[in-house]
């Protein structure tokens, strides 16, 4: 019985899919928005988050679910001034962040 409960608990813990948003400025040298303003926009729209962490030139926001991060992306796309990229970040790889950097950057290749 204890083994079954432990297995059920571990299965439930593994089913939780954290999600992360990455916010970065489009132009190099511009500053990232401060965490307090991000918190204000999310709180005003009833969106809960786990953490807001600056990393290099990016602000990372962690959520408990992908639905929360999708709702936050929509809110931040509307409320942040132009000049910022808000991208869903895959926890397994940083592919989404690199694609956003290449797609939305001002530099051109070729």
PDB file of N, CA and C in Angstrom:
ATOM      1  N   UNK A   1       0.821  -1.192   0.000  1.00  0.00           N
ATOM      2  CA  UNK A   1       0.000   0.000   0.000  1.00  0.00           C
ATOM      3  C   UNK A   1       0.872   1.266   0.000  1.00  0.00           C
ATOM      4  N   UNK A   2       1.927   1.267   0.813  1.00  0.00           N
ATOM      5  CA  UNK A   2       2.828   2.415   0.885  1.00  0.00           C
ATOM      6  C   UNK A   2       3.530   2.618  -0.454  1.00  0.00           C
ATOM      7  N   UNK A   3       3.963   1.508  -1.067  1.00  0.00           N
ATOM      8  CA  UNK A   3       4.615   1.584  -2.369  1.00  0.00           C
ATOM      9  C   UNK A   3       3.678   2.173  -3.422  1.00  0.00           C
ATOM     10  N   UNK A   4       2.421   1.766  -3.397  1.00  0.00           N
ATOM     11  CA  UNK A   4       1.439   2.279  -4.344  1.00  0.00           C
ATOM     12  C   UNK A   4       1.226   3.779  -4.151  1.00  0.00           C
ATOM     13  N   UNK A   5       1.124   4.226  -2.917  1.00  0.00           N
ATOM     14  CA  UNK A   5       0.959   5.659  -2.638  1.00  0.00           C
ATOM     15  C   UNK A   5       2.188   6.453  -3.054  1.00  0.00           C
ATOM     16  N   UNK A   6       3.373   5.901  -2.809  1.00  0.00           N
ATOM     17  CA  UNK A   6       4.605   6.562  -3.226  1.00  0.00           C
ATOM     18  C   UNK A   6       4.681   6.665  -4.750  1.00  0.00           C
ATOM     19  N   UNK A   7       4.324   5.600  -5.440  1.00  0.00           N
ATOM     20  CA  UNK A   7       4.330   5.606  -6.900  1.00  0.00           C
ATOM     21  C   UNK A   7       3.326   6.622  -7.442  1.00  0.00           C
ATOM     22  N   UNK A   8       2.161   6.695  -6.831  1.00  0.00           N
ATOM     23  CA  UNK A   8       1.150   7.662  -7.252  1.00  0.00           C
ATOM     24  C   UNK A   8       1.632   9.095  -7.029  1.00  0.00           C
ATOM     25  N   UNK A   9       2.270   9.334  -5.909  1.00  0.00           N
ATOM     26  CA  UNK A   9       2.807  10.667  -5.608  1.00  0.00           C
ATOM     27  C   UNK A   9       3.889  11.061  -6.615  1.00  0.00           C
ATOM     28  N   UNK A  10       4.795  10.140  -6.929  1.00  0.00           N
ATOM     29  CA  UNK A  10       5.852  10.428  -7.905  1.00  0.00           C
ATOM     30  C   UNK A  10       5.270  10.670  -9.293  1.00  0.00           C
ATOM     31  N   UNK A  11       4.275   9.892  -9.669  1.00  0.00           N
ATOM     32  CA  UNK A  11       3.636  10.095 -10.976  1.00  0.00           C
ATOM     33  C   UNK A  11       3.000  11.483 -11.053  1.00  0.00           C
ATOM     34  N   UNK A  12       2.317  11.895  -9.992  1.00  0.00           N
ATOM     35  CA  UNK A  12       1.687  13.219  -9.962  1.00  0.00           C
ATOM     36  C   UNK A  12       2.739  14.317 -10.022  1.00  0.00           C
ATOM     37  N   UNK A  13       3.855  14.125  -9.358  1.00  0.00           N
ATOM     38  CA  UNK A  13       4.925  15.130  -9.381  1.00  0.00           C
ATOM     39  C   UNK A  13       5.541  15.244 -10.771  1.00  0.00           C
ATOM     40  N   UNK A  14       5.671  14.130 -11.465  1.00  0.00           N
ATOM     41  CA  UNK A  14       6.240  14.154 -12.810  1.00  0.00           C
ATOM     42  C   UNK A  14       5.283  14.752 -13.837  1.00  0.00           C
ATOM     43  N   UNK A  15       3.987  14.722 -13.562  1.00  0.00           N
ATOM     44  CA  UNK A  15       3.003  15.257 -14.491  1.00  0.00           C
ATOM     45  C   UNK A  15       2.961  16.784 -14.489  1.00  0.00           C
ATOM     46  N   UNK A  16       3.510  17.410 -13.482  1.00  0.00           N
ATOM     47  CA  UNK A  16       3.519  18.867 -13.409  1.00  0.00           C
ATOM     48  C   UNK A  16       4.496  19.402 -14.451  1.00  0.00           C
ATOM     49  N   UNK A  17       4.009  20.219 -15.344  1.00  0.00           N
ATOM     50  CA  UNK A  17       4.824  20.749 -16.428  1.00  0.00           C
ATOM     51  C   UNK A  17       5.076  22.230 -16.178  1.00  0.00           C
ATOM     52  N   UNK A  18       6.241  22.535 -15.659  1.00  0.00           N
ATOM     53  CA  UNK A  18       6.606  23.936 -15.485  1.00  0.00           C
ATOM     54  C   UNK A  18       6.787  24.574 -16.845  1.00  0.00           C
ATOM     55  N   UNK A  19       6.608  25.861 -16.865  1.00  0.00           N
ATOM     56  CA  UNK A  19       6.775  26.597 -18.100  1.00  0.00           C
ATOM     57  C   UNK A  19       7.501  27.897 -17.780  1.00  0.00           C
ATOM     58  N   UNK A  20       8.284  28.376 -18.729  1.00  0.00           N
ATOM     59  CA  UNK A  20       9.079  29.580 -18.516  1.00  0.00           C
ATOM     60  C   UNK A  20       8.903  30.540 -19.682  1.00  0.00           C
ATOM     61  N   UNK A  21       8.766  31.818 -19.351  1.00  0.00           N
ATOM     62  CA  UNK A  21       8.778  32.887 -20.344  1.00  0.00           C
ATOM     63  C   UNK A  21      10.118  33.598 -20.255  1.00  0.00           C
ATOM     64  N   UNK A  22      10.641  33.993 -21.385  1.00  0.00           N
ATOM     65  CA  UNK A  22      11.874  34.775 -21.435  1.00  0.00           C
ATOM     66  C   UNK A  22      11.557  36.125 -22.066  1.00  0.00           C
ATOM     67  N   UNK A  23      11.967  37.198 -21.396  1.00  0.00           N
ATOM     68  CA  UNK A  23      11.776  38.549 -21.924  1.00  0.00           C
ATOM     69  C   UNK A  23      13.150  39.157 -22.129  1.00  0.00           C
ATOM     70  N   UNK A  24      13.391  39.679 -23.308  1.00  0.00           N
ATOM     71  CA  UNK A  24      14.664  40.337 -23.596  1.00  0.00           C
ATOM     72  C   UNK A  24      14.426  41.506 -24.525  1.00  0.00           C
ATOM     73  N   UNK A  25      15.276  42.511 -24.444  1.00  0.00           N
ATOM     74  CA  UNK A  25      15.145  43.646 -25.362  1.00  0.00           C
ATOM     75  C   UNK A  25      15.591  43.251 -26.770  1.00  0.00           C
ATOM     76  N   UNK A  26      14.974  43.866 -27.764  1.00  0.00           N
ATOM     77  CA  UNK A  26      15.347  43.573 -29.151  1.00  0.00           C
ATOM     78  C   UNK A  26      16.702  44.165 -29.479  1.00  0.00           C
ATOM     79  N   UNK A  27      16.902  45.418 -29.105  1.00  0.00           N
ATOM     80  CA  UNK A  27      18.169  46.070 -29.441  1.00  0.00           C
ATOM     81  C   UNK A  27      19.195  45.842 -28.349  1.00  0.00           C
ATOM     82  N   UNK A  28      20.425  45.602 -28.780  1.00  0.00           N
ATOM     83  CA  UNK A  28      21.501  45.361 -27.833  1.00  0.00           C
ATOM     84  C   UNK A  28      21.810  46.649 -27.081  1.00  0.00           C
ATOM     85  N   UNK A  29      22.056  46.541 -25.803  1.00  0.00           N
ATOM     86  CA  UNK A  29      22.337  47.701 -24.983  1.00  0.00           C
ATOM     87  C   UNK A  29      21.115  48.231 -24.248  1.00  0.00           C
ATOM     88  N   UNK A  30      19.923  47.864 -24.697  1.00  0.00           N
ATOM     89  CA  UNK A  30      18.700  48.279 -24.003  1.00  0.00           C
ATOM     90  C   UNK A  30      18.545  47.423 -22.749  1.00  0.00           C
ATOM     91  N   UNK A  31      17.889  47.961 -21.745  1.00  0.00           N
ATOM     92  CA  UNK A  31      17.748  47.223 -20.490  1.00  0.00           C
ATOM     93  C   UNK A  31      16.485  46.367 -20.506  1.00  0.00           C
ATOM     94  N   UNK A  32      16.520  45.299 -19.730  1.00  0.00           N
ATOM     95  CA  UNK A  32      15.338  44.465 -19.575  1.00  0.00           C
ATOM     96  C   UNK A  32      14.374  45.173 -18.623  1.00  0.00           C
ATOM     97  N   UNK A  33      13.083  44.893 -18.729  1.00  0.00           N
ATOM     98  CA  UNK A  33      12.148  45.515 -17.790  1.00  0.00           C
ATOM     99  C   UNK A  33      12.414  45.005 -16.376  1.00  0.00           C
ATOM    100  N   UNK A  34      12.116  45.838 -15.386  1.00  0.00           N
ATOM    101  CA  UNK A  34      12.366  45.386 -14.017  1.00  0.00           C
ATOM    102  C   UNK A  34      11.284  44.392 -13.586  1.00  0.00           C
ATOM    103  N   UNK A  35      11.652  43.530 -12.659  1.00  0.00           N
ATOM    104  CA  UNK A  35      10.755  42.479 -12.189  1.00  0.00           C
ATOM    105  C   UNK A  35       9.501  43.015 -11.530  1.00  0.00           C
ATOM    106  N   UNK A  36       9.603  44.195 -10.881  1.00  0.00           N
ATOM    107  CA  UNK A  36       8.430  44.755 -10.218  1.00  0.00           C
ATOM    108  C   UNK A  36       7.349  45.140 -11.221  1.00  0.00           C
ATOM    109  N   UNK A  37       7.731  45.727 -12.344  1.00  0.00           N
ATOM    110  CA  UNK A  37       6.725  46.101 -13.340  1.00  0.00           C
ATOM    111  C   UNK A  37       6.077  44.862 -13.954  1.00  0.00           C
ATOM    112  N   UNK A  38       6.870  43.809 -14.163  1.00  0.00           N
ATOM    113  CA  UNK A  38       6.323  42.553 -14.677  1.00  0.00           C
ATOM    114  C   UNK A  38       5.344  41.966 -13.661  1.00  0.00           C
ATOM    115  N   UNK A  39       5.758  41.940 -12.390  1.00  0.00           N
ATOM    116  CA  UNK A  39       4.884  41.450 -11.326  1.00  0.00           C
ATOM    117  C   UNK A  39       3.571  42.222 -11.313  1.00  0.00           C
ATOM    118  N   UNK A  40       3.650  43.551 -11.454  1.00  0.00           N
ATOM    119  CA  UNK A  40       2.450  44.390 -11.438  1.00  0.00           C
ATOM    120  C   UNK A  40       1.495  44.019 -12.577  1.00  0.00           C
ATOM    121  N   UNK A  41       2.013  43.860 -13.789  1.00  0.00           N
ATOM    122  CA  UNK A  41       1.166  43.517 -14.935  1.00  0.00           C
ATOM    123  C   UNK A  41       0.513  42.148 -14.750  1.00  0.00           C
ATOM    124  N   UNK A  42       1.278  41.182 -14.264  1.00  0.00           N
ATOM    125  CA  UNK A  42       0.729  39.837 -14.083  1.00  0.00           C
ATOM    126  C   UNK A  42      -0.283  39.805 -12.944  1.00  0.00           C
ATOM    127  N   UNK A  43       0.034  40.465 -11.829  1.00  0.00           N
ATOM    128  CA  UNK A  43      -0.870  40.479 -10.685  1.00  0.00           C
ATOM    129  C   UNK A  43      -2.179  41.193 -11.027  1.00  0.00           C
ATOM    130  N   UNK A  44      -2.103  42.271 -11.792  1.00  0.00           N
ATOM    131  CA  UNK A  44      -3.307  43.012 -12.172  1.00  0.00           C
ATOM    132  C   UNK A  44      -4.245  42.164 -13.029  1.00  0.00           C
ATOM    133  N   UNK A  45      -3.692  41.159 -13.701  1.00  0.00           N
ATOM    134  CA  UNK A  45      -4.506  40.274 -14.544  1.00  0.00           C
ATOM    135  C   UNK A  45      -4.756  38.922 -13.893  1.00  0.00           C
ATOM    136  N   UNK A  46      -4.417  38.779 -12.618  1.00  0.00           N
ATOM    137  CA  UNK A  46      -4.697  37.551 -11.882  1.00  0.00           C
ATOM    138  C   UNK A  46      -3.856  36.358 -12.285  1.00  0.00           C
ATOM    139  N   UNK A  47      -2.669  36.595 -12.812  1.00  0.00           N
ATOM    140  CA  UNK A  47      -1.799  35.506 -13.252  1.00  0.00           C
ATOM    141  C   UNK A  47      -0.733  35.267 -12.185  1.00  0.00           C
ATOM    142  N   UNK A  48      -0.678  34.050 -11.679  1.00  0.00           N
ATOM    143  CA  UNK A  48       0.291  33.669 -10.655  1.00  0.00           C
ATOM    144  C   UNK A  48       1.550  33.114 -11.308  1.00  0.00           C
ATOM    145  N   UNK A  49       2.688  33.385 -10.691  1.00  0.00           N
ATOM    146  CA  UNK A  49       3.959  32.876 -11.186  1.00  0.00           C
ATOM    147  C   UNK A  49       4.783  32.362 -10.017  1.00  0.00           C
ATOM    148  N   UNK A  50       5.805  31.570 -10.326  1.00  0.00           N
ATOM    149  CA  UNK A  50       6.667  31.011  -9.283  1.00  0.00           C
ATOM    150  C   UNK A  50       7.844  31.922  -8.980  1.00  0.00           C
ATOM    151  N   UNK A  51       8.486  32.456 -10.017  1.00  0.00           N
ATOM    152  CA  UNK A  51       9.660  33.295  -9.793  1.00  0.00           C
ATOM    153  C   UNK A  51       9.929  34.180 -10.999  1.00  0.00           C
ATOM    154  N   UNK A  52      10.629  35.275 -10.733  1.00  0.00           N
ATOM    155  CA  UNK A  52      11.137  36.170 -11.777  1.00  0.00           C
ATOM    156  C   UNK A  52      12.631  36.305 -11.515  1.00  0.00           C
ATOM    157  N   UNK A  53      13.449  35.900 -12.496  1.00  0.00           N
ATOM    158  CA  UNK A  53      14.894  35.870 -12.311  1.00  0.00           C
ATOM    159  C   UNK A  53      15.607  36.530 -13.488  1.00  0.00           C
ATOM    160  N   UNK A  54      16.466  37.514 -13.230  1.00  0.00           N
ATOM    161  CA  UNK A  54      17.283  38.053 -14.321  1.00  0.00           C
ATOM    162  C   UNK A  54      18.447  37.106 -14.619  1.00  0.00           C
ATOM    163  N   UNK A  55      18.737  36.920 -15.897  1.00  0.00           N
ATOM    164  CA  UNK A  55      19.861  36.081 -16.307  1.00  0.00           C
ATOM    165  C   UNK A  55      20.446  36.679 -17.578  1.00  0.00           C
ATOM    166  N   UNK A  56      21.676  37.145 -17.491  1.00  0.00           N
ATOM    167  CA  UNK A  56      22.349  37.832 -18.592  1.00  0.00           C
ATOM    168  C   UNK A  56      21.485  39.013 -19.032  1.00  0.00           C
ATOM    169  N   UNK A  57      21.078  39.048 -20.286  1.00  0.00           N
ATOM    170  CA  UNK A  57      20.231  40.145 -20.778  1.00  0.00           C
ATOM    171  C   UNK A  57      18.769  39.716 -20.900  1.00  0.00           C
ATOM    172  N   UNK A  58      18.379  38.704 -20.128  1.00  0.00           N
ATOM    173  CA  UNK A  58      17.040  38.127 -20.220  1.00  0.00           C
ATOM    174  C   UNK A  58      16.396  38.082 -18.840  1.00  0.00           C
ATOM    175  N   UNK A  59      15.086  38.259 -18.804  1.00  0.00           N
ATOM    176  CA  UNK A  59      14.317  38.112 -17.574  1.00  0.00           C
ATOM    177  C   UNK A  59      13.505  36.830 -17.719  1.00  0.00           C
ATOM    178  N   UNK A  60      13.719  35.855 -16.819  1.00  0.00           N
ATOM    179  CA  UNK A  60      13.031  34.572 -16.880  1.00  0.00           C
ATOM    180  C   UNK A  60      11.915  34.540 -15.850  1.00  0.00           C
ATOM    181  N   UNK A  61      10.710  34.149 -16.284  1.00  0.00           N
ATOM    182  CA  UNK A  61       9.556  34.046 -15.400  1.00  0.00           C
ATOM    183  C   UNK A  61       9.072  32.604 -15.440  1.00  0.00           C
ATOM    184  N   UNK A  62       9.047  31.942 -14.279  1.00  0.00           N
ATOM    185  CA  UNK A  62       8.619  30.540 -14.200  1.00  0.00           C
ATOM    186  C   UNK A  62       7.174  30.458 -13.727  1.00  0.00           C
ATOM    187  N   UNK A  63       6.429  29.526 -14.339  1.00  0.00           N
ATOM    188  CA  UNK A  63       5.021  29.287 -14.034  1.00  0.00           C
ATOM    189  C   UNK A  63       4.808  27.813 -13.734  1.00  0.00           C
ATOM    190  N   UNK A  64       3.717  27.509 -13.032  1.00  0.00           N
ATOM    191  CA  UNK A  64       3.375  26.126 -12.724  1.00  0.00           C
ATOM    192  C   UNK A  64       2.848  25.373 -13.940  1.00  0.00           C
ATOM    193  N   UNK A  65       2.241  26.081 -14.881  1.00  0.00           N
ATOM    194  CA  UNK A  65       1.645  25.397 -16.029  1.00  0.00           C
ATOM    195  C   UNK A  65       1.880  26.185 -17.311  1.00  0.00           C
ATOM    196  N   UNK A  66       1.693  25.497 -18.411  1.00  0.00           N
ATOM    197  CA  UNK A  66       1.826  26.140 -19.717  1.00  0.00           C
ATOM    198  C   UNK A  66       0.673  27.100 -19.970  1.00  0.00           C
ATOM    199  N   UNK A  67      -0.486  26.826 -19.400  1.00  0.00           N
ATOM    200  CA  UNK A  67      -1.632  27.720 -19.557  1.00  0.00           C
ATOM    201  C   UNK A  67      -1.352  29.069 -18.907  1.00  0.00           C
ATOM    202  N   UNK A  68      -0.725  29.059 -17.729  1.00  0.00           N
ATOM    203  CA  UNK A  68      -0.377  30.319 -17.061  1.00  0.00           C
ATOM    204  C   UNK A  68       0.637  31.105 -17.877  1.00  0.00           C
ATOM    205  N   UNK A  69       1.635  30.432 -18.428  1.00  0.00           N
ATOM    206  CA  UNK A  69       2.645  31.152 -19.205  1.00  0.00           C
ATOM    207  C   UNK A  69       2.068  31.692 -20.508  1.00  0.00           C
ATOM    208  N   UNK A  70       1.134  30.970 -21.124  1.00  0.00           N
ATOM    209  CA  UNK A  70       0.497  31.467 -22.346  1.00  0.00           C
ATOM    210  C   UNK A  70      -0.341  32.710 -22.045  1.00  0.00           C
ATOM    211  N   UNK A  71      -1.066  32.692 -20.932  1.00  0.00           N
ATOM    212  CA  UNK A  71      -1.851  33.859 -20.537  1.00  0.00           C
ATOM    213  C   UNK A  71      -0.933  35.038 -20.209  1.00  0.00           C
ATOM    214  N   UNK A  72       0.182  34.767 -19.547  1.00  0.00           N
ATOM    215  CA  UNK A  72       1.135  35.827 -19.216  1.00  0.00           C
ATOM    216  C   UNK A  72       1.766  36.407 -20.474  1.00  0.00           C
ATOM    217  N   UNK A  73       2.082  35.555 -21.447  1.00  0.00           N
ATOM    218  CA  UNK A  73       2.664  36.041 -22.707  1.00  0.00           C
ATOM    219  C   UNK A  73       1.695  36.996 -23.388  1.00  0.00           C
ATOM    220  N   UNK A  74       0.433  36.650 -23.408  1.00  0.00           N
ATOM    221  CA  UNK A  74      -0.578  37.513 -24.029  1.00  0.00           C
ATOM    222  C   UNK A  74      -0.653  38.864 -23.317  1.00  0.00           C
ATOM    223  N   UNK A  75      -0.664  38.842 -21.989  1.00  0.00           N
ATOM    224  CA  UNK A  75      -0.727  40.084 -21.202  1.00  0.00           C
ATOM    225  C   UNK A  75       0.520  40.933 -21.429  1.00  0.00           C
ATOM    226  N   UNK A  76       1.693  40.307 -21.385  1.00  0.00           N
ATOM    227  CA  UNK A  76       2.936  41.058 -21.534  1.00  0.00           C
ATOM    228  C   UNK A  76       3.136  41.577 -22.949  1.00  0.00           C
ATOM    229  N   UNK A  77       2.675  40.832 -23.944  1.00  0.00           N
ATOM    230  CA  UNK A  77       2.746  41.332 -25.325  1.00  0.00           C
ATOM    231  C   UNK A  77       1.933  42.613 -25.481  1.00  0.00           C
ATOM    232  N   UNK A  78       0.792  42.683 -24.776  1.00  0.00           N
ATOM    233  CA  UNK A  78      -0.055  43.884 -24.836  1.00  0.00           C
ATOM    234  C   UNK A  78       0.506  45.034 -24.009  1.00  0.00           C
ATOM    235  N   UNK A  79       1.065  44.724 -22.831  1.00  0.00           N
ATOM    236  CA  UNK A  79       1.383  45.779 -21.879  1.00  0.00           C
ATOM    237  C   UNK A  79       2.818  46.298 -21.938  1.00  0.00           C
ATOM    238  N   UNK A  80       3.762  45.500 -22.400  1.00  0.00           N
ATOM    239  CA  UNK A  80       5.133  45.993 -22.490  1.00  0.00           C
ATOM    240  C   UNK A  80       5.285  46.900 -23.699  1.00  0.00           C
ATOM    241  N   UNK A  81       6.134  47.910 -23.603  1.00  0.00           N
ATOM    242  CA  UNK A  81       6.361  48.761 -24.778  1.00  0.00           C
ATOM    243  C   UNK A  81       7.053  47.962 -25.884  1.00  0.00           C
ATOM    244  N   UNK A  82       6.941  48.471 -27.103  1.00  0.00           N
ATOM    245  CA  UNK A  82       7.617  47.802 -28.225  1.00  0.00           C
ATOM    246  C   UNK A  82       9.115  47.803 -27.958  1.00  0.00           C
ATOM    247  N   UNK A  83       9.786  46.799 -28.463  1.00  0.00           N
ATOM    248  CA  UNK A  83      11.222  46.698 -28.258  1.00  0.00           C
ATOM    249  C   UNK A  83      11.613  45.532 -27.374  1.00  0.00           C
ATOM    250  N   UNK A  84      10.638  44.700 -27.004  1.00  0.00           N
ATOM    251  CA  UNK A  84      10.922  43.523 -26.184  1.00  0.00           C
ATOM    252  C   UNK A  84      10.378  42.276 -26.861  1.00  0.00           C
ATOM    253  N   UNK A  85      11.110  41.178 -26.720  1.00  0.00           N
ATOM    254  CA  UNK A  85      10.673  39.876 -27.203  1.00  0.00           C
ATOM    255  C   UNK A  85      10.214  39.084 -25.989  1.00  0.00           C
ATOM    256  N   UNK A  86       8.980  38.586 -26.039  1.00  0.00           N
ATOM    257  CA  UNK A  86       8.441  37.716 -24.989  1.00  0.00           C
ATOM    258  C   UNK A  86       8.257  36.351 -25.636  1.00  0.00           C
ATOM    259  N   UNK A  87       9.066  35.373 -25.198  1.00  0.00           N
ATOM    260  CA  UNK A  87       9.055  34.056 -25.839  1.00  0.00           C
ATOM    261  C   UNK A  87       8.841  32.958 -24.808  1.00  0.00           C
ATOM    262  N   UNK A  88       8.045  31.953 -25.182  1.00  0.00           N
ATOM    263  CA  UNK A  88       7.911  30.756 -24.354  1.00  0.00           C
ATOM    264  C   UNK A  88       9.217  29.992 -24.463  1.00  0.00           C
ATOM    265  N   UNK A  89       9.766  29.619 -23.340  1.00  0.00           N
ATOM    266  CA  UNK A  89      11.057  28.946 -23.317  1.00  0.00           C
ATOM    267  C   UNK A  89      10.856  27.491 -22.944  1.00  0.00           C
ATOM    268  N   UNK A  90      11.355  26.593 -23.781  1.00  0.00           N
ATOM    269  CA  UNK A  90      11.286  25.159 -23.516  1.00  0.00           C
ATOM    270  C   UNK A  90      12.304  24.825 -22.436  1.00  0.00           C
ATOM    271  N   UNK A  91      11.868  24.151 -21.381  1.00  0.00           N
ATOM    272  CA  UNK A  91      12.768  23.805 -20.282  1.00  0.00           C
ATOM    273  C   UNK A  91      13.851  22.822 -20.720  1.00  0.00           C
ATOM    274  N   UNK A  92      13.564  22.013 -21.722  1.00  0.00           N
ATOM    275  CA  UNK A  92      14.523  21.008 -22.146  1.00  0.00           C
ATOM    276  C   UNK A  92      15.666  21.610 -22.949  1.00  0.00           C
ATOM    277  N   UNK A  93      15.390  22.665 -23.704  1.00  0.00           N
ATOM    278  CA  UNK A  93      16.425  23.284 -24.522  1.00  0.00           C
ATOM    279  C   UNK A  93      16.139  24.770 -24.627  1.00  0.00           C
ATOM    280  N   UNK A  94      17.093  25.478 -25.143  1.00  0.00           N
ATOM    281  CA  UNK A  94      16.923  26.918 -25.313  1.00  0.00           C
ATOM    282  C   UNK A  94      16.617  27.267 -26.760  1.00  0.00           C
ATOM    283  N   UNK A  95      16.088  26.313 -27.496  1.00  0.00           N
ATOM    284  CA  UNK A  95      15.791  26.514 -28.912  1.00  0.00           C
ATOM    285  C   UNK A  95      14.837  27.677 -29.127  1.00  0.00           C
ATOM    286  N   UNK A  96      13.778  27.773 -28.336  1.00  0.00           N
ATOM    287  CA  UNK A  96      12.795  28.850 -28.527  1.00  0.00           C
ATOM    288  C   UNK A  96      13.428  30.216 -28.358  1.00  0.00           C
ATOM    289  N   UNK A  97      14.337  30.351 -27.399  1.00  0.00           N
ATOM    290  CA  UNK A  97      14.997  31.635 -27.173  1.00  0.00           C
ATOM    291  C   UNK A  97      15.890  31.996 -28.347  1.00  0.00           C
ATOM    292  N   UNK A  98      16.636  31.023 -28.871  1.00  0.00           N
ATOM    293  CA  UNK A  98      17.512  31.298 -30.007  1.00  0.00           C
ATOM    294  C   UNK A  98      16.702  31.629 -31.258  1.00  0.00           C
ATOM    295  N   UNK A  99      15.611  30.937 -31.484  1.00  0.00           N
ATOM    296  CA  UNK A  99      14.767  31.245 -32.646  1.00  0.00           C
ATOM    297  C   UNK A  99      14.208  32.657 -32.520  1.00  0.00           C
ATOM    298  N   UNK A 100      13.764  33.018 -31.327  1.00  0.00           N
ATOM    299  CA  UNK A 100      13.246  34.369 -31.114  1.00  0.00           C
ATOM    300  C   UNK A 100      14.333  35.410 -31.349  1.00  0.00           C
ATOM    301  N   UNK A 101      15.533  35.130 -30.924  1.00  0.00           N
ATOM    302  CA  UNK A 101      16.641  36.076 -31.134  1.00  0.00           C
ATOM    303  C   UNK A 101      16.949  36.250 -32.613  1.00  0.00           C
ATOM    304  N   UNK A 102      16.964  35.150 -33.349  1.00  0.00           N
ATOM    305  CA  UNK A 102      17.273  35.241 -34.769  1.00  0.00           C
ATOM    306  C   UNK A 102      16.136  35.876 -35.567  1.00  0.00           C
ATOM    307  N   UNK A 103      14.898  35.522 -35.221  1.00  0.00           N
ATOM    308  CA  UNK A 103      13.740  36.029 -35.965  1.00  0.00           C
ATOM    309  C   UNK A 103      13.504  37.501 -35.706  1.00  0.00           C
ATOM    310  N   UNK A 104      13.572  37.924 -34.441  1.00  0.00           N
ATOM    311  CA  UNK A 104      13.202  39.272 -34.090  1.00  0.00           C
ATOM    312  C   UNK A 104      14.374  40.231 -33.993  1.00  0.00           C
ATOM    313  N   UNK A 105      15.582  39.764 -34.248  1.00  0.00           N
ATOM    314  CA  UNK A 105      16.750  40.636 -34.158  1.00  0.00           C
ATOM    315  C   UNK A 105      16.798  41.612 -35.311  1.00  0.00           C
ATOM    316  N   UNK A 106      17.551  42.662 -35.123  1.00  0.00           N
ATOM    317  CA  UNK A 106      17.674  43.682 -36.180  1.00  0.00           C
ATOM    318  C   UNK A 106      18.792  43.342 -37.160  1.00  0.00           C
ATOM    319  N   UNK A 107      19.616  42.350 -36.849  1.00  0.00           N
ATOM    320  CA  UNK A 107      20.695  41.980 -37.736  1.00  0.00           C
ATOM    321  C   UNK A 107      20.198  41.030 -38.822  1.00  0.00           C
ATOM    322  N   UNK A 108      20.804  41.114 -39.970  1.00  0.00           N
ATOM    323  CA  UNK A 108      20.423  40.262 -41.099  1.00  0.00           C
ATOM    324  C   UNK A 108      21.635  39.463 -41.539  1.00  0.00           C
ATOM    325  N   UNK A 109      21.376  38.227 -41.954  1.00  0.00           N
ATOM    326  CA  UNK A 109      22.445  37.369 -42.423  1.00  0.00           C
ATOM    327  C   UNK A 109      22.353  37.231 -43.936  1.00  0.00           C
ATOM    328  N   UNK A 110      23.527  37.115 -44.580  1.00  0.00           N
ATOM    329  CA  UNK A 110      23.554  36.823 -46.005  1.00  0.00           C
ATOM    330  C   UNK A 110      23.738  37.951 -46.906  1.00  0.00           C
TER     331      UNK A 110
END
